[in-house]
Amino acid sequence: MTVLAADTWGVPGPVFLRWYLVAAVVLVVGTVVYRFRALAGTPVTDHGALGPQQVAYLNGGDQLAVWTSLGGLRRAGAVGAHPDRRLAPGG
């Protein structure tokens, strides 16, 4: 009968096999946990809805955003208009 099991690096076969399997299980579990955490991504935080100027910029560019900002300032009373349609400070 041929004996296939031998001492591996001076460690008896059953002890080597036991520690080899433990190391393999630890590596597999560690890899699964690492991949799960890596593929989960970063949590998305809610920064609220877009403001009117941001929506105007996305919809029509910088000129529409400026007009929207002026409309908001006029509504807040920060700017007004002369009868000849020029901007005036205050309401």
PDB file of N, CA and C in Angstrom:
ATOM      1  N   MET A   1       0.840  -1.171   0.000  1.00  0.00           N
ATOM      2  CA  MET A   1       0.000   0.000   0.000  1.00  0.00           C
ATOM      3  C   MET A   1       0.890   1.242   0.000  1.00  0.00           C
ATOM      4  N   THR A   2       0.540   2.201  -0.827  1.00  0.00           N
ATOM      5  CA  THR A   2       1.328   3.413  -0.958  1.00  0.00           C
ATOM      6  C   THR A   2       0.752   4.499  -0.054  1.00  0.00           C
ATOM      7  N   VAL A   3       1.606   5.162   0.669  1.00  0.00           N
ATOM      8  CA  VAL A   3       1.190   6.251   1.545  1.00  0.00           C
ATOM      9  C   VAL A   3       1.381   7.556   0.784  1.00  0.00           C
ATOM     10  N   LEU A   4       0.274   8.304   0.596  1.00  0.00           N
ATOM     11  CA  LEU A   4       0.347   9.561  -0.135  1.00  0.00           C
ATOM     12  C   LEU A   4       0.531  10.758   0.789  1.00  0.00           C
ATOM     13  N   ALA A   5       0.145  10.610   2.046  1.00  0.00           N
ATOM     14  CA  ALA A   5       0.267  11.720   2.980  1.00  0.00           C
ATOM     15  C   ALA A   5       1.670  11.734   3.565  1.00  0.00           C
ATOM     16  N   ALA A   6       2.248  12.887   3.602  1.00  0.00           N
ATOM     17  CA  ALA A   6       3.577  13.047   4.179  1.00  0.00           C
ATOM     18  C   ALA A   6       3.606  14.351   4.963  1.00  0.00           C
ATOM     19  N   ASP A   7       4.641  14.538   5.722  1.00  0.00           N
ATOM     20  CA  ASP A   7       4.793  15.788   6.458  1.00  0.00           C
ATOM     21  C   ASP A   7       5.043  16.921   5.467  1.00  0.00           C
ATOM     22  N   THR A   8       4.294  17.996   5.625  1.00  0.00           N
ATOM     23  CA  THR A   8       4.458  19.168   4.771  1.00  0.00           C
ATOM     24  C   THR A   8       5.149  20.239   5.584  1.00  0.00           C
ATOM     25  N   TRP A   9       6.375  20.554   5.193  1.00  0.00           N
ATOM     26  CA  TRP A   9       7.216  21.534   5.882  1.00  0.00           C
ATOM     27  C   TRP A   9       7.351  21.194   7.364  1.00  0.00           C
ATOM     28  N   GLY A  10       7.369  19.943   7.673  1.00  0.00           N
ATOM     29  CA  GLY A  10       7.539  19.510   9.045  1.00  0.00           C
ATOM     30  C   GLY A  10       6.256  19.488   9.842  1.00  0.00           C
ATOM     31  N   VAL A  11       5.106  19.719   9.198  1.00  0.00           N
ATOM     32  CA  VAL A  11       3.809  19.713   9.885  1.00  0.00           C
ATOM     33  C   VAL A  11       3.093  18.432   9.480  1.00  0.00           C
ATOM     34  N   PRO A  12       2.547  17.686  10.443  1.00  0.00           N
ATOM     35  CA  PRO A  12       1.828  16.465  10.091  1.00  0.00           C
ATOM     36  C   PRO A  12       0.651  16.764   9.149  1.00  0.00           C
ATOM     37  N   GLY A  13       0.323  15.816   8.282  1.00  0.00           N
ATOM     38  CA  GLY A  13      -0.709  15.979   7.263  1.00  0.00           C
ATOM     39  C   GLY A  13      -2.054  16.463   7.775  1.00  0.00           C
ATOM     40  N   PRO A  14      -2.660  15.833   8.801  1.00  0.00           N
ATOM     41  CA  PRO A  14      -3.973  16.280   9.278  1.00  0.00           C
ATOM     42  C   PRO A  14      -3.948  17.695   9.853  1.00  0.00           C
ATOM     43  N   VAL A  15      -2.887  18.068  10.539  1.00  0.00           N
ATOM     44  CA  VAL A  15      -2.780  19.428  11.089  1.00  0.00           C
ATOM     45  C   VAL A  15      -2.653  20.437   9.953  1.00  0.00           C
ATOM     46  N   PHE A  16      -1.825  20.116   8.965  1.00  0.00           N
ATOM     47  CA  PHE A  16      -1.658  21.015   7.820  1.00  0.00           C
ATOM     48  C   PHE A  16      -2.977  21.200   7.082  1.00  0.00           C
ATOM     49  N   LEU A  17      -3.688  20.093   6.858  1.00  0.00           N
ATOM     50  CA  LEU A  17      -4.957  20.163   6.145  1.00  0.00           C
ATOM     51  C   LEU A  17      -5.985  20.976   6.912  1.00  0.00           C
ATOM     52  N   ARG A  18      -6.026  20.799   8.224  1.00  0.00           N
ATOM     53  CA  ARG A  18      -6.972  21.548   9.057  1.00  0.00           C
ATOM     54  C   ARG A  18      -6.687  23.048   8.977  1.00  0.00           C
ATOM     55  N   TRP A  19      -5.441  23.458   9.140  1.00  0.00           N
ATOM     56  CA  TRP A  19      -5.094  24.890   9.092  1.00  0.00           C
ATOM     57  C   TRP A  19      -5.232  25.461   7.686  1.00  0.00           C
ATOM     58  N   TYR A  20      -4.974  24.629   6.676  1.00  0.00           N
ATOM     59  CA  TYR A  20      -5.145  25.066   5.295  1.00  0.00           C
ATOM     60  C   TYR A  20      -6.618  25.367   5.008  1.00  0.00           C
ATOM     61  N   LEU A  21      -7.516  24.511   5.477  1.00  0.00           N
ATOM     62  CA  LEU A  21      -8.947  24.731   5.279  1.00  0.00           C
ATOM     63  C   LEU A  21      -9.441  25.944   6.064  1.00  0.00           C
ATOM     64  N   VAL A  22      -8.926  26.108   7.286  1.00  0.00           N
ATOM     65  CA  VAL A  22      -9.310  27.294   8.073  1.00  0.00           C
ATOM     66  C   VAL A  22      -8.862  28.571   7.357  1.00  0.00           C
ATOM     67  N   ALA A  23      -7.642  28.582   6.850  1.00  0.00           N
ATOM     68  CA  ALA A  23      -7.140  29.757   6.126  1.00  0.00           C
ATOM     69  C   ALA A  23      -7.952  30.005   4.861  1.00  0.00           C
ATOM     70  N   ALA A  24      -8.335  28.931   4.150  1.00  0.00           N
ATOM     71  CA  ALA A  24      -9.131  29.088   2.936  1.00  0.00           C
ATOM     72  C   ALA A  24     -10.502  29.679   3.257  1.00  0.00           C
ATOM     73  N   VAL A  25     -11.140  29.218   4.334  1.00  0.00           N
ATOM     74  CA  VAL A  25     -12.453  29.742   4.725  1.00  0.00           C
ATOM     75  C   VAL A  25     -12.343  31.208   5.117  1.00  0.00           C
ATOM     76  N   VAL A  26     -11.315  31.543   5.881  1.00  0.00           N
ATOM     77  CA  VAL A  26     -11.122  32.945   6.286  1.00  0.00           C
ATOM     78  C   VAL A  26     -10.920  33.834   5.064  1.00  0.00           C
ATOM     79  N   LEU A  27     -10.131  33.392   4.098  1.00  0.00           N
ATOM     80  CA  LEU A  27      -9.906  34.190   2.887  1.00  0.00           C
ATOM     81  C   LEU A  27     -11.174  34.350   2.058  1.00  0.00           C
ATOM     82  N   VAL A  28     -11.948  33.284   1.931  1.00  0.00           N
ATOM     83  CA  VAL A  28     -13.188  33.370   1.153  1.00  0.00           C
ATOM     84  C   VAL A  28     -14.177  34.308   1.829  1.00  0.00           C
ATOM     85  N   VAL A  29     -14.358  34.171   3.132  1.00  0.00           N
ATOM     86  CA  VAL A  29     -15.275  35.050   3.858  1.00  0.00           C
ATOM     87  C   VAL A  29     -14.787  36.498   3.789  1.00  0.00           C
ATOM     88  N   GLY A  30     -13.498  36.710   3.971  1.00  0.00           N
ATOM     89  CA  GLY A  30     -12.954  38.069   3.871  1.00  0.00           C
ATOM     90  C   GLY A  30     -13.156  38.665   2.491  1.00  0.00           C
ATOM     91  N   THR A  31     -12.978  37.863   1.454  1.00  0.00           N
ATOM     92  CA  THR A  31     -13.178  38.347   0.088  1.00  0.00           C
ATOM     93  C   THR A  31     -14.632  38.705  -0.157  1.00  0.00           C
ATOM     94  N   VAL A  32     -15.550  37.881   0.323  1.00  0.00           N
ATOM     95  CA  VAL A  32     -16.977  38.159   0.136  1.00  0.00           C
ATOM     96  C   VAL A  32     -17.370  39.445   0.859  1.00  0.00           C
ATOM     97  N   VAL A  33     -16.900  39.621   2.084  1.00  0.00           N
ATOM     98  CA  VAL A  33     -17.206  40.839   2.835  1.00  0.00           C
ATOM     99  C   VAL A  33     -16.612  42.060   2.139  1.00  0.00           C
ATOM    100  N   TYR A  34     -15.371  41.958   1.685  1.00  0.00           N
ATOM    101  CA  TYR A  34     -14.715  43.080   1.005  1.00  0.00           C
ATOM    102  C   TYR A  34     -15.465  43.452  -0.275  1.00  0.00           C
ATOM    103  N   ARG A  35     -15.834  42.458  -1.075  1.00  0.00           N
ATOM    104  CA  ARG A  35     -16.537  42.739  -2.325  1.00  0.00           C
ATOM    105  C   ARG A  35     -17.908  43.342  -2.049  1.00  0.00           C
ATOM    106  N   PHE A  36     -18.598  42.854  -1.028  1.00  0.00           N
ATOM    107  CA  PHE A  36     -19.912  43.404  -0.693  1.00  0.00           C
ATOM    108  C   PHE A  36     -19.799  44.875  -0.308  1.00  0.00           C
ATOM    109  N   ARG A  37     -18.798  45.196   0.517  1.00  0.00           N
ATOM    110  CA  ARG A  37     -18.626  46.587   0.941  1.00  0.00           C
ATOM    111  C   ARG A  37     -18.135  47.470  -0.195  1.00  0.00           C
ATOM    112  N   ALA A  38     -17.275  46.934  -1.058  1.00  0.00           N
ATOM    113  CA  ALA A  38     -16.732  47.726  -2.165  1.00  0.00           C
ATOM    114  C   ALA A  38     -17.804  48.000  -3.213  1.00  0.00           C
ATOM    115  N   LEU A  39     -18.660  47.033  -3.473  1.00  0.00           N
ATOM    116  CA  LEU A  39     -19.687  47.213  -4.499  1.00  0.00           C
ATOM    117  C   LEU A  39     -20.932  47.915  -3.977  1.00  0.00           C
ATOM    118  N   ALA A  40     -21.024  48.102  -2.679  1.00  0.00           N
ATOM    119  CA  ALA A  40     -22.197  48.779  -2.124  1.00  0.00           C
ATOM    120  C   ALA A  40     -22.200  50.256  -2.493  1.00  0.00           C
ATOM    121  N   GLY A  41     -21.030  50.840  -2.717  1.00  0.00           N
ATOM    122  CA  GLY A  41     -20.953  52.249  -3.083  1.00  0.00           C
ATOM    123  C   GLY A  41     -21.113  53.149  -1.880  1.00  0.00           C
ATOM    124  N   THR A  42     -21.067  54.422  -2.138  1.00  0.00           N
ATOM    125  CA  THR A  42     -21.226  55.393  -1.064  1.00  0.00           C
ATOM    126  C   THR A  42     -22.702  55.753  -0.930  1.00  0.00           C
ATOM    127  N   PRO A  43     -23.145  56.009   0.267  1.00  0.00           N
ATOM    128  CA  PRO A  43     -24.539  56.392   0.430  1.00  0.00           C
ATOM    129  C   PRO A  43     -24.803  57.761  -0.201  1.00  0.00           C
ATOM    130  N   VAL A  44     -25.940  57.882  -0.823  1.00  0.00           N
ATOM    131  CA  VAL A  44     -26.313  59.133  -1.468  1.00  0.00           C
ATOM    132  C   VAL A  44     -27.030  59.988  -0.439  1.00  0.00           C
ATOM    133  N   THR A  45     -26.533  61.177  -0.223  1.00  0.00           N
ATOM    134  CA  THR A  45     -27.186  62.085   0.707  1.00  0.00           C
ATOM    135  C   THR A  45     -28.116  62.996  -0.068  1.00  0.00           C
ATOM    136  N   ASP A  46     -29.221  63.308   0.524  1.00  0.00           N
ATOM    137  CA  ASP A  46     -30.205  64.165  -0.128  1.00  0.00           C
ATOM    138  C   ASP A  46     -29.823  65.618   0.127  1.00  0.00           C
ATOM    139  N   HIS A  47     -29.512  66.319  -0.928  1.00  0.00           N
ATOM    140  CA  HIS A  47     -29.152  67.733  -0.806  1.00  0.00           C
ATOM    141  C   HIS A  47     -30.340  68.638  -1.074  1.00  0.00           C
ATOM    142  N   GLY A  48     -31.521  68.090  -1.127  1.00  0.00           N
ATOM    143  CA  GLY A  48     -32.714  68.888  -1.346  1.00  0.00           C
ATOM    144  C   GLY A  48     -32.979  69.087  -2.829  1.00  0.00           C
ATOM    145  N   ALA A  49     -34.084  69.719  -3.094  1.00  0.00           N
ATOM    146  CA  ALA A  49     -34.481  69.980  -4.474  1.00  0.00           C
ATOM    147  C   ALA A  49     -33.654  71.124  -5.057  1.00  0.00           C
ATOM    148  N   LEU A  50     -33.640  71.195  -6.366  1.00  0.00           N
ATOM    149  CA  LEU A  50     -32.931  72.285  -7.036  1.00  0.00           C
ATOM    150  C   LEU A  50     -33.697  73.585  -6.862  1.00  0.00           C
ATOM    151  N   GLY A  51     -32.955  74.668  -6.776  1.00  0.00           N
ATOM    152  CA  GLY A  51     -33.568  75.984  -6.694  1.00  0.00           C
ATOM    153  C   GLY A  51     -33.960  76.487  -8.076  1.00  0.00           C
ATOM    154  N   PRO A  52     -34.713  77.581  -8.121  1.00  0.00           N
ATOM    155  CA  PRO A  52     -35.163  78.093  -9.418  1.00  0.00           C
ATOM    156  C   PRO A  52     -34.007  78.490 -10.332  1.00  0.00           C
ATOM    157  N   GLN A  53     -32.946  79.074  -9.787  1.00  0.00           N
ATOM    158  CA  GLN A  53     -31.812  79.479 -10.616  1.00  0.00           C
ATOM    159  C   GLN A  53     -31.092  78.260 -11.187  1.00  0.00           C
ATOM    160  N   GLN A  54     -30.982  77.204 -10.403  1.00  0.00           N
ATOM    161  CA  GLN A  54     -30.325  75.992 -10.883  1.00  0.00           C
ATOM    162  C   GLN A  54     -31.128  75.324 -11.991  1.00  0.00           C
ATOM    163  N   VAL A  55     -32.431  75.278 -11.825  1.00  0.00           N
ATOM    164  CA  VAL A  55     -33.287  74.703 -12.863  1.00  0.00           C
ATOM    165  C   VAL A  55     -33.221  75.546 -14.128  1.00  0.00           C
ATOM    166  N   ALA A  56     -33.231  76.876 -13.976  1.00  0.00           N
ATOM    167  CA  ALA A  56     -33.156  77.757 -15.142  1.00  0.00           C
ATOM    168  C   ALA A  56     -31.831  77.585 -15.867  1.00  0.00           C
ATOM    169  N   TYR A  57     -30.741  77.439 -15.137  1.00  0.00           N
ATOM    170  CA  TYR A  57     -29.443  77.242 -15.774  1.00  0.00           C
ATOM    171  C   TYR A  57     -29.406  75.920 -16.542  1.00  0.00           C
ATOM    172  N   LEU A  58     -29.949  74.873 -15.938  1.00  0.00           N
ATOM    173  CA  LEU A  58     -29.971  73.579 -16.620  1.00  0.00           C
ATOM    174  C   LEU A  58     -30.882  73.598 -17.840  1.00  0.00           C
ATOM    175  N   ASN A  59     -31.935  74.410 -17.784  1.00  0.00           N
ATOM    176  CA  ASN A  59     -32.906  74.438 -18.869  1.00  0.00           C
ATOM    177  C   ASN A  59     -32.502  75.388 -19.995  1.00  0.00           C
ATOM    178  N   GLY A  60     -31.905  76.528 -19.655  1.00  0.00           N
ATOM    179  CA  GLY A  60     -31.662  77.514 -20.705  1.00  0.00           C
ATOM    180  C   GLY A  60     -30.320  78.195 -20.662  1.00  0.00           C
ATOM    181  N   GLY A  61     -29.441  77.780 -19.785  1.00  0.00           N
ATOM    182  CA  GLY A  61     -28.109  78.369 -19.747  1.00  0.00           C
ATOM    183  C   GLY A  61     -28.018  79.548 -18.797  1.00  0.00           C
ATOM    184  N   ASP A  62     -26.914  80.281 -18.935  1.00  0.00           N
ATOM    185  CA  ASP A  62     -26.627  81.345 -17.972  1.00  0.00           C
ATOM    186  C   ASP A  62     -27.563  82.540 -18.102  1.00  0.00           C
ATOM    187  N   GLN A  63     -28.013  82.863 -19.305  1.00  0.00           N
ATOM    188  CA  GLN A  63     -28.889  84.033 -19.463  1.00  0.00           C
ATOM    189  C   GLN A  63     -30.226  83.809 -18.762  1.00  0.00           C
ATOM    190  N   LEU A  64     -30.810  82.640 -18.907  1.00  0.00           N
ATOM    191  CA  LEU A  64     -32.069  82.349 -18.226  1.00  0.00           C
ATOM    192  C   LEU A  64     -31.883  82.319 -16.711  1.00  0.00           C
ATOM    193  N   ALA A  65     -30.723  81.869 -16.248  1.00  0.00           N
ATOM    194  CA  ALA A  65     -30.447  81.863 -14.808  1.00  0.00           C
ATOM    195  C   ALA A  65     -30.360  83.285 -14.273  1.00  0.00           C
ATOM    196  N   VAL A  66     -29.773  84.205 -15.044  1.00  0.00           N
ATOM    197  CA  VAL A  66     -29.690  85.608 -14.618  1.00  0.00           C
ATOM    198  C   VAL A  66     -31.079  86.221 -14.539  1.00  0.00           C
ATOM    199  N   TRP A  67     -31.912  85.974 -15.536  1.00  0.00           N
ATOM    200  CA  TRP A  67     -33.272  86.518 -15.508  1.00  0.00           C
ATOM    201  C   TRP A  67     -34.062  85.945 -14.335  1.00  0.00           C
ATOM    202  N   THR A  68     -33.876  84.691 -14.046  1.00  0.00           N
ATOM    203  CA  THR A  68     -34.562  84.076 -12.911  1.00  0.00           C
ATOM    204  C   THR A  68     -34.085  84.680 -11.599  1.00  0.00           C
ATOM    205  N   SER A  69     -32.779  84.943 -11.489  1.00  0.00           N
ATOM    206  CA  SER A  69     -32.241  85.567 -10.280  1.00  0.00           C
ATOM    207  C   SER A  69     -32.800  86.968 -10.109  1.00  0.00           C
ATOM    208  N   LEU A  70     -32.870  87.708 -11.189  1.00  0.00           N
ATOM    209  CA  LEU A  70     -33.438  89.062 -11.106  1.00  0.00           C
ATOM    210  C   LEU A  70     -34.913  89.015 -10.721  1.00  0.00           C
ATOM    211  N   GLY A  71     -35.640  88.030 -11.231  1.00  0.00           N
ATOM    212  CA  GLY A  71     -37.042  87.886 -10.846  1.00  0.00           C
ATOM    213  C   GLY A  71     -37.172  87.588  -9.362  1.00  0.00           C
ATOM    214  N   GLY A  72     -36.288  86.740  -8.838  1.00  0.00           N
ATOM    215  CA  GLY A  72     -36.321  86.448  -7.404  1.00  0.00           C
ATOM    216  C   GLY A  72     -35.959  87.657  -6.563  1.00  0.00           C
ATOM    217  N   LEU A  73     -34.975  88.431  -7.008  1.00  0.00           N
ATOM    218  CA  LEU A  73     -34.612  89.658  -6.288  1.00  0.00           C
ATOM    219  C   LEU A  73     -35.744  90.679  -6.328  1.00  0.00           C
ATOM    220  N   ARG A  74     -36.423  90.777  -7.456  1.00  0.00           N
ATOM    221  CA  ARG A  74     -37.543  91.723  -7.574  1.00  0.00           C
ATOM    222  C   ARG A  74     -38.674  91.306  -6.650  1.00  0.00           C
ATOM    223  N   ARG A  75     -38.966  90.007  -6.610  1.00  0.00           N
ATOM    224  CA  ARG A  75     -40.037  89.512  -5.736  1.00  0.00           C
ATOM    225  C   ARG A  75     -39.694  89.749  -4.268  1.00  0.00           C
ATOM    226  N   ALA A  76     -38.403  89.629  -3.912  1.00  0.00           N
ATOM    227  CA  ALA A  76     -37.988  89.845  -2.528  1.00  0.00           C
ATOM    228  C   ALA A  76     -37.906  91.325  -2.177  1.00  0.00           C
ATOM    229  N   GLY A  77     -37.988  92.185  -3.170  1.00  0.00           N
ATOM    230  CA  GLY A  77     -37.939  93.620  -2.916  1.00  0.00           C
ATOM    231  C   GLY A  77     -36.531  94.179  -2.886  1.00  0.00           C
ATOM    232  N   ALA A  78     -35.540  93.407  -3.323  1.00  0.00           N
ATOM    233  CA  ALA A  78     -34.157  93.876  -3.311  1.00  0.00           C
ATOM    234  C   ALA A  78     -33.860  94.788  -4.496  1.00  0.00           C
ATOM    235  N   VAL A  79     -34.555  94.610  -5.594  1.00  0.00           N
ATOM    236  CA  VAL A  79     -34.416  95.489  -6.762  1.00  0.00           C
ATOM    237  C   VAL A  79     -35.796  95.872  -7.246  1.00  0.00           C
ATOM    238  N   GLY A  80     -35.846  96.963  -7.935  1.00  0.00           N
ATOM    239  CA  GLY A  80     -37.099  97.443  -8.504  1.00  0.00           C
ATOM    240  C   GLY A  80     -36.865  97.833  -9.949  1.00  0.00           C
ATOM    241  N   ALA A  81     -37.847  98.553 -10.497  1.00  0.00           N
ATOM    242  CA  ALA A  81     -37.733  98.992 -11.883  1.00  0.00           C
ATOM    243  C   ALA A  81     -38.233 100.416 -11.990  1.00  0.00           C
ATOM    244  N   HIS A  82     -37.505 101.230 -12.740  1.00  0.00           N
ATOM    245  CA  HIS A  82     -37.946 102.586 -13.063  1.00  0.00           C
ATOM    246  C   HIS A  82     -39.050 102.494 -14.111  1.00  0.00           C
ATOM    247  N   PRO A  83     -39.792 103.587 -14.309  1.00  0.00           N
ATOM    248  CA  PRO A  83     -40.827 103.560 -15.349  1.00  0.00           C
ATOM    249  C   PRO A  83     -40.263 103.272 -16.745  1.00  0.00           C
ATOM    250  N   ASP A  84     -39.012 103.643 -16.981  1.00  0.00           N
ATOM    251  CA  ASP A  84     -38.423 103.358 -18.303  1.00  0.00           C
ATOM    252  C   ASP A  84     -37.786 101.958 -18.345  1.00  0.00           C
ATOM    253  N   ARG A  85     -38.120 101.100 -17.400  1.00  0.00           N
ATOM    254  CA  ARG A  85     -37.751  99.679 -17.326  1.00  0.00           C
ATOM    255  C   ARG A  85     -36.275  99.447 -17.021  1.00  0.00           C
ATOM    256  N   ARG A  86     -35.598 100.402 -16.383  1.00  0.00           N
ATOM    257  CA  ARG A  86     -34.238 100.187 -15.903  1.00  0.00           C
ATOM    258  C   ARG A  86     -34.312  99.684 -14.470  1.00  0.00           C
ATOM    259  N   LEU A  87     -33.283  98.940 -14.079  1.00  0.00           N
ATOM    260  CA  LEU A  87     -33.249  98.424 -12.714  1.00  0.00           C
ATOM    261  C   LEU A  87     -32.978  99.544 -11.728  1.00  0.00           C
ATOM    262  N   ALA A  88     -33.585  99.420 -10.558  1.00  0.00           N
ATOM    263  CA  ALA A  88     -33.379 100.395  -9.494  1.00  0.00           C
ATOM    264  C   ALA A  88     -33.135  99.635  -8.197  1.00  0.00           C
ATOM    265  N   PRO A  89     -32.229 100.108  -7.353  1.00  0.00           N
ATOM    266  CA  PRO A  89     -32.015  99.411  -6.078  1.00  0.00           C
ATOM    267  C   PRO A  89     -33.223  99.558  -5.177  1.00  0.00           C
ATOM    268  N   GLY A  90     -33.529  98.535  -4.443  1.00  0.00           N
ATOM    269  CA  GLY A  90     -34.654  98.571  -3.516  1.00  0.00           C
ATOM    270  C   GLY A  90     -35.974  98.420  -4.260  1.00  0.00           C
ATOM    271  N   GLY A  91     -37.051  98.303  -3.495  1.00  0.00           N
ATOM    272  CA  GLY A  91     -38.365  98.085  -4.099  1.00  0.00           C
ATOM    273  C   GLY A  91     -38.983  99.369  -4.487  1.00  0.00           C
TER     274      GLY A  91
END
